[in-house]
Structures are given as C-alpha cells and as structure tokens.
C-alpha atoms as a PDB file:
ATOM      1  CA  MET A   1      82.035  76.291  78.197  1.00  0.00           C
ATOM      2  CA  THR A   2      82.645  72.886  79.247  1.00  0.00           C
ATOM      3  CA  GLY A   3      84.704  70.493  77.582  1.00  0.00           C
ATOM      4  CA  PRO A   4      87.856  68.134  77.940  1.00  0.00           C
ATOM      5  CA  ASP A   5      90.124  71.369  78.150  1.00  0.00           C
ATOM      6  CA  HIS A   6      88.434  72.837  81.065  1.00  0.00           C
ATOM      7  CA  GLY A   7      86.637  69.626  82.423  1.00  0.00           C
ATOM      8  CA  TYR A   8      83.644  68.457  84.604  1.00  0.00           C
ATOM      9  CA  ARG A   9      83.142  66.034  86.957  1.00  0.00           C
ATOM     10  CA  LEU A  10      82.574  62.464  85.994  1.00  0.00           C
ATOM     11  CA  SER A  11      79.529  60.046  87.233  1.00  0.00           C
ATOM     12  CA  ASP A  12      80.121  56.686  87.909  1.00  0.00           C
ATOM     13  CA  ASP A  13      78.137  56.128  84.568  1.00  0.00           C
ATOM     14  CA  GLU A  14      80.666  57.913  82.617  1.00  0.00           C
ATOM     15  CA  ARG A  15      83.518  56.144  84.035  1.00  0.00           C
ATOM     16  CA  ASP A  16      81.940  52.943  83.320  1.00  0.00           C
ATOM     17  CA  GLU A  17      81.447  53.535  79.858  1.00  0.00           C
ATOM     18  CA  ALA A  18      84.876  54.600  79.652  1.00  0.00           C
ATOM     19  CA  LEU A  19      85.891  51.165  80.959  1.00  0.00           C
ATOM     20  CA  GLU A  20      83.807  49.819  78.494  1.00  0.00           C
ATOM     21  CA  ARG A  21      85.448  51.407  75.446  1.00  0.00           C
ATOM     22  CA  LEU A  22      88.997  50.275  77.100  1.00  0.00           C
ATOM     23  CA  ARG A  23      87.736  46.765  77.220  1.00  0.00           C
ATOM     24  CA  THR A  24      86.847  47.202  73.829  1.00  0.00           C
ATOM     25  CA  ALA A  25      90.187  48.495  72.814  1.00  0.00           C
ATOM     26  CA  LEU A  26      91.905  45.453  74.330  1.00  0.00           C
ATOM     27  CA  SER A  27      89.710  42.531  72.811  1.00  0.00           C
ATOM     28  CA  GLU A  28      90.466  44.759  69.305  1.00  0.00           C
ATOM     29  CA  GLY A  29      94.024  43.983  69.953  1.00  0.00           C
ATOM     30  CA  ARG A  30      94.829  48.050  70.422  1.00  0.00           C
ATOM     31  CA  LEU A  31      95.692  47.798  73.861  1.00  0.00           C
ATOM     32  CA  GLY A  32      98.005  44.902  75.713  1.00  0.00           C
ATOM     33  CA  LEU A  33      96.924  43.308  78.930  1.00  0.00           C
ATOM     34  CA  ASP A  34      99.327  45.895  80.967  1.00  0.00           C
ATOM     35  CA  GLU A  35      98.184  49.045  79.242  1.00  0.00           C
ATOM     36  CA  HIS A  36      94.773  47.985  79.480  1.00  0.00           C
ATOM     37  CA  GLU A  37      95.163  47.391  83.362  1.00  0.00           C
ATOM     38  CA  SER A  38      97.053  50.583  83.744  1.00  0.00           C
ATOM     39  CA  ARG A  39      94.395  52.741  81.910  1.00  0.00           C
ATOM     40  CA  SER A  40      91.658  50.872  83.693  1.00  0.00           C
ATOM     41  CA  THR A  41      93.048  51.945  87.118  1.00  0.00           C
ATOM     42  CA  ALA A  42      93.472  55.637  85.738  1.00  0.00           C
ATOM     43  CA  ALA A  43      89.678  55.698  84.567  1.00  0.00           C
ATOM     44  CA  LEU A  44      88.413  54.288  87.786  1.00  0.00           C
ATOM     45  CA  ASN A  45      90.479  57.014  89.561  1.00  0.00           C
ATOM     46  CA  ALA A  46      89.405  59.898  87.143  1.00  0.00           C
ATOM     47  CA  VAL A  47      87.556  62.655  88.662  1.00  0.00           C
ATOM     48  CA  THR A  48      87.091  64.936  85.505  1.00  0.00           C
ATOM     49  CA  ASN A  49      86.722  64.276  82.044  1.00  0.00           C
ATOM     50  CA  ALA A  50      89.579  66.118  81.370  1.00  0.00           C
ATOM     51  CA  ASP A  51      91.439  63.101  83.124  1.00  0.00           C
ATOM     52  CA  LEU A  52      89.901  60.955  80.657  1.00  0.00           C
ATOM     53  CA  ALA A  53      90.985  62.641  77.271  1.00  0.00           C
ATOM     54  CA  GLN A  54      94.785  61.485  77.656  1.00  0.00           C
ATOM     55  CA  LEU A  55      93.576  57.827  78.193  1.00  0.00           C
ATOM     56  CA  PHE A  56      92.227  57.896  74.654  1.00  0.00           C
ATOM     57  CA  ASP A  57      94.077  60.020  72.741  1.00  0.00           C
ATOM     58  CA  ASP A  58      95.783  57.201  70.673  1.00  0.00           C
ATOM     59  CA  LEU A  59      92.567  55.262  70.179  1.00  0.00           C
ATOM     60  CA  PRO A  60      90.257  55.709  67.232  1.00  0.00           C
ATOM     61  CA  PRO A  61      87.590  58.121  67.841  1.00  0.00           C
ATOM     62  CA  ARG A  62      84.797  55.761  67.762  1.00  0.00           C
ATOM     63  CA  LEU A  63      86.343  54.152  71.128  1.00  0.00           C
ATOM     64  CA  ARG A  64      86.395  57.317  72.839  1.00  0.00           C
ATOM     65  CA  PRO A  65      83.476  57.585  75.312  1.00  0.00           C
ATOM     66  CA  THR A  66      80.598  60.242  74.750  1.00  0.00           C
ATOM     67  CA  THR A  67      81.732  62.143  77.718  1.00  0.00           C
ATOM     68  CA  LEU A  68      84.772  63.507  75.405  1.00  0.00           C
ATOM     69  CA  THR A  69      82.861  63.455  72.127  1.00  0.00           C
ATOM     70  CA  HIS A  70      79.751  65.395  73.561  1.00  0.00           C
ATOM     71  CA  PRO A  71      80.508  66.744  76.376  1.00  0.00           C
ATOM     72  CA  GLU A  72      77.250  67.827  78.650  1.00  0.00           C
ATOM     73  CA  GLU A  73      76.625  71.553  78.525  1.00  0.00           C
ATOM     74  CA  PRO A  74      74.256  72.146  81.553  1.00  0.00           C
ATOM     75  CA  PRO A  75      71.781  75.008  80.866  1.00  0.00           C
ATOM     76  CA  ALA A  76      72.704  78.304  82.133  1.00  0.00           C
ATOM     77  CA  ASP A  77      69.439  78.498  84.333  1.00  0.00           C
ATOM     78  CA  LEU A  78      70.315  75.150  86.065  1.00  0.00           C
ATOM     79  CA  VAL A  79      69.596  75.819  90.101  1.00  0.00           C
ATOM     80  CA  PRO A  80      69.630  72.659  91.896  1.00  0.00           C
ATOM     81  CA  ALA A  81      66.437  71.892  93.634  1.00  0.00           C
ATOM     82  CA  GLU A  82      66.126  72.165  97.462  1.00  0.00           C
ATOM     83  CA  PRO A  83      64.397  68.942  99.007  1.00  0.00           C
ATOM     84  CA  GLN A  84      60.934  68.952 100.213  1.00  0.00           C
ATOM     85  CA  PRO A  85      60.055  68.228 103.908  1.00  0.00           C
ATOM     86  CA  LYS A  86      58.656  65.173 104.333  1.00  0.00           C
ATOM     87  CA  VAL A  87      55.307  66.471 105.764  1.00  0.00           C
ATOM     88  CA  ALA A  88      55.124  69.074 102.734  1.00  0.00           C
ATOM     89  CA  ALA A  89      55.511  66.242 100.375  1.00  0.00           C
ATOM     90  CA  ALA A  90      52.762  64.018 102.202  1.00  0.00           C
ATOM     91  CA  ALA A  91      50.512  67.397 102.161  1.00  0.00           C
ATOM     92  CA  LYS A  92      51.116  67.286  98.437  1.00  0.00           C
ATOM     93  CA  ASP A  93      50.557  63.993  97.625  1.00  0.00           C
ATOM     94  CA  GLY A  94      47.617  63.713 100.013  1.00  0.00           C
ATOM     95  CA  SER A  95      48.844  60.324 101.160  1.00  0.00           C
ATOM     96  CA  GLY A  96      49.409  61.667 104.535  1.00  0.00           C
ATOM     97  CA  GLY A  97      53.219  60.018 104.681  1.00  0.00           C
ATOM     98  CA  ARG A  98      52.168  56.691 103.370  1.00  0.00           C
ATOM     99  CA  ALA A  99      53.045  56.817  99.878  1.00  0.00           C
ATOM    100  CA  GLY A 100      54.974  54.143  98.350  1.00  0.00           C
ATOM    101  CA  ARG A 101      54.404  52.019 101.757  1.00  0.00           C
ATOM    102  CA  VAL A 102      53.754  48.671 101.205  1.00  0.00           C
ATOM    103  CA  ALA A 103      51.935  46.134 103.952  1.00  0.00           C
ATOM    104  CA  GLY A 104      54.610  43.608 103.971  1.00  0.00           C
ATOM    105  CA  PRO A 105      55.127  42.157 106.896  1.00  0.00           C
ATOM    106  CA  PRO A 106      51.434  41.507 107.491  1.00  0.00           C
ATOM    107  CA  ILE A 107      51.012  40.108 103.610  1.00  0.00           C
ATOM    108  CA  TRP A 108      54.117  37.454 104.387  1.00  0.00           C
ATOM    109  CA  GLY A 109      52.660  36.593 107.763  1.00  0.00           C
ATOM    110  CA  ALA A 110      49.101  35.789 105.824  1.00  0.00           C
ATOM    111  CA  PHE A 111      51.158  34.069 102.981  1.00  0.00           C
ATOM    112  CA  LEU A 112      53.232  31.675 105.198  1.00  0.00           C
ATOM    113  CA  PHE A 113      50.503  30.666 107.509  1.00  0.00           C
ATOM    114  CA  VAL A 114      48.413  29.651 104.197  1.00  0.00           C
ATOM    115  CA  MET A 115      51.562  28.086 102.223  1.00  0.00           C
ATOM    116  CA  TRP A 116      53.056  26.727 105.282  1.00  0.00           C
ATOM    117  CA  GLY A 117      51.428  26.919 108.820  1.00  0.00           C
ATOM    118  CA  LEU A 118      48.118  25.642 107.713  1.00  0.00           C
ATOM    119  CA  PRO A 119      49.007  22.683 105.776  1.00  0.00           C
ATOM    120  CA  ALA A 120      51.561  21.728 109.012  1.00  0.00           C
ATOM    121  CA  ILE A 121      48.768  22.154 111.361  1.00  0.00           C
ATOM    122  CA  ILE A 122      46.577  20.027 109.274  1.00  0.00           C
ATOM    123  CA  SER A 123      49.181  17.305 109.043  1.00  0.00           C
ATOM    124  CA  GLY A 124      49.597  17.238 112.640  1.00  0.00           C
ATOM    125  CA  ASN A 125      53.534  17.088 112.238  1.00  0.00           C
ATOM    126  CA  GLN A 126      54.895  18.645 115.339  1.00  0.00           C
ATOM    127  CA  VAL A 127      58.434  19.168 113.908  1.00  0.00           C
ATOM    128  CA  ALA A 128      56.754  21.209 110.628  1.00  0.00           C
ATOM    129  CA  ILE A 129      55.029  23.221 113.287  1.00  0.00           C
ATOM    130  CA  ILE A 130      57.753  24.017 115.445  1.00  0.00           C
ATOM    131  CA  THR A 131      59.711  25.122 112.165  1.00  0.00           C
ATOM    132  CA  TRP A 132      56.779  27.192 111.083  1.00  0.00           C
ATOM    133  CA  LEU A 133      56.573  28.748 114.404  1.00  0.00           C
ATOM    134  CA  SER A 134      59.819  29.385 115.168  1.00  0.00           C
ATOM    135  CA  PHE A 135      60.451  31.210 111.526  1.00  0.00           C
ATOM    136  CA  PHE A 136      57.092  33.234 111.849  1.00  0.00           C
ATOM    137  CA  ALA A 137      58.257  34.416 115.324  1.00  0.00           C
ATOM    138  CA  LEU A 138      62.267  35.261 114.016  1.00  0.00           C
ATOM    139  CA  VAL A 139      60.902  36.893 110.642  1.00  0.00           C
ATOM    140  CA  VAL A 140      57.109  38.060 110.466  1.00  0.00           C
ATOM    141  CA  VAL A 141      57.044  39.303 114.238  1.00  0.00           C
ATOM    142  CA  PRO A 142      59.797  41.542 114.219  1.00  0.00           C
ATOM    143  CA  GLY A 143      58.753  43.110 110.804  1.00  0.00           C
ATOM    144  CA  LEU A 144      55.116  43.685 112.586  1.00  0.00           C
ATOM    145  CA  ALA A 145      56.934  45.273 115.131  1.00  0.00           C
ATOM    146  CA  VAL A 146      58.933  47.317 113.169  1.00  0.00           C
ATOM    147  CA  ALA A 147      56.160  48.388 111.012  1.00  0.00           C
ATOM    148  CA  THR A 148      54.033  49.089 113.964  1.00  0.00           C
ATOM    149  CA  THR A 149      56.728  51.366 115.853  1.00  0.00           C
ATOM    150  CA  LEU A 150      56.950  53.371 112.125  1.00  0.00           C
ATOM    151  CA  GLU A 151      53.519  54.103 111.878  1.00  0.00           C
ATOM    152  CA  LEU A 152      52.783  55.205 115.470  1.00  0.00           C
ATOM    153  CA  ARG A 153      55.927  57.558 114.929  1.00  0.00           C
ATOM    154  CA  ALA A 154      54.716  59.025 112.297  1.00  0.00           C
ATOM    155  CA  ARG A 155      51.099  59.685 113.704  1.00  0.00           C
ATOM    156  CA  ARG A 156      52.698  61.279 116.450  1.00  0.00           C
ATOM    157  CA  THR A 157      55.037  63.504 114.291  1.00  0.00           C
ATOM    158  CA  ARG A 158      51.983  64.821 112.572  1.00  0.00           C
ATOM    159  CA  ARG A 159      49.573  65.487 115.697  1.00  0.00           C
ATOM    160  CA  GLU A 160      52.905  67.640 117.178  1.00  0.00           C
ATOM    161  CA  LEU A 161      52.841  69.755 113.408  1.00  0.00           C
ATOM    162  CA  GLY A 162      49.361  70.703 114.248  1.00  0.00           C
ATOM    163  CA  GLY A 163      47.143  67.605 113.845  1.00  0.00           C
ATOM    164  CA  GLY A 164      46.107  65.191 110.747  1.00  0.00           C
ATOM    165  CA  ARG A 165      46.292  65.714 107.100  1.00  0.00           C
ATOM    166  CA  ASP A 166      43.554  68.161 106.894  1.00  0.00           C
ATOM    167  CA  GLN A 167      45.165  70.596 108.819  1.00  0.00           C
ATOM    168  CA  ILE A 168      48.121  70.530 106.613  1.00  0.00           C
ATOM    169  CA  GLU A 169      46.394  70.660 103.284  1.00  0.00           C
ATOM    170  CA  GLY A 170      44.688  73.971 104.668  1.00  0.00           C
ATOM    171  CA  ALA A 171      47.496  75.450 105.957  1.00  0.00           C
END
C-alpha cells in the first residue's frame, strides 16, 4: 500500500500543488513569511510524499495537497512501456517517418517573399531589398539546409534498413 507513511517519489506537478497550498496558507495568515519560505524550500526539495506530510501537519486538511489526502495507488499489473524504434513506429503509422513533420522553412520562405521581398523589389528600395535578402540568407537558407539534410539522412536510413516503407510493412 502506498501512502504518506511509505512514500512514493513526487512529480513536479505534485510539488507545484504543494507550493500553491503553502501560498494559500500564507495569504490566509496561517504562516508567517519566514515560515512560508522555509516550508516552500522544503517542498521544492521533497523527494517523496512523506517529505511533504510534515509540512502540512499543523494546517487544515483542506490545505493539504492531494498527494497527501488521496495518494496514488498504481495498478498491480503496471509495466513500463518499452520505447518503439523509430522505423517500427514509422511503419505502423504508414508515414515513412514523416509523421508530424512540418515543411517550415519553405513555407516561411514563401511567406517572407510575398510579404516582404516582393514589395521591396516592386518599390525598388535598395535598402529594403538588401535587408530582406540578408534576413532570408541568415534565417531561411540555413533552415532549408537543415531540413534537406535531415530528409536525406532519413532516406539513407530507410535504404540501409532494407528499402522503403513497403518492405518494412511487409516484414
């Protein structure tokens, strides 16, 4: 059984909730500024929920974090999930490794050209054209280079692993 007597490791969210409850106790006048600072530091350094319990012993139950009032009990059959290799995940979702990839640099390049480059060229203002070309060369071109390099590496990896997506799915 898990609980404050046995203790389990705290998450960042649980520590944040404890800090929130301590701020409430301070705003209600239940804690002085020095006491609040001391307890907040202890809450930030707490490793288990048992470490938090002593910080809330003299406060009303409604101010106790849920980690102390309703401790989590993990299911008995809980087994950590094994991470999937990228190639297997790509084969499963049918994307060939392109799931979630956004064509950012080409889209931004087109956007910058239409909104900034084209008006600069039409106006004939040399300073505006040079500024746009400089920005384009410093921001968009390196982004395109990185995106292209990553795509070429992904293709090479797929080829080394036995071909394209069709061969991976057939395996």
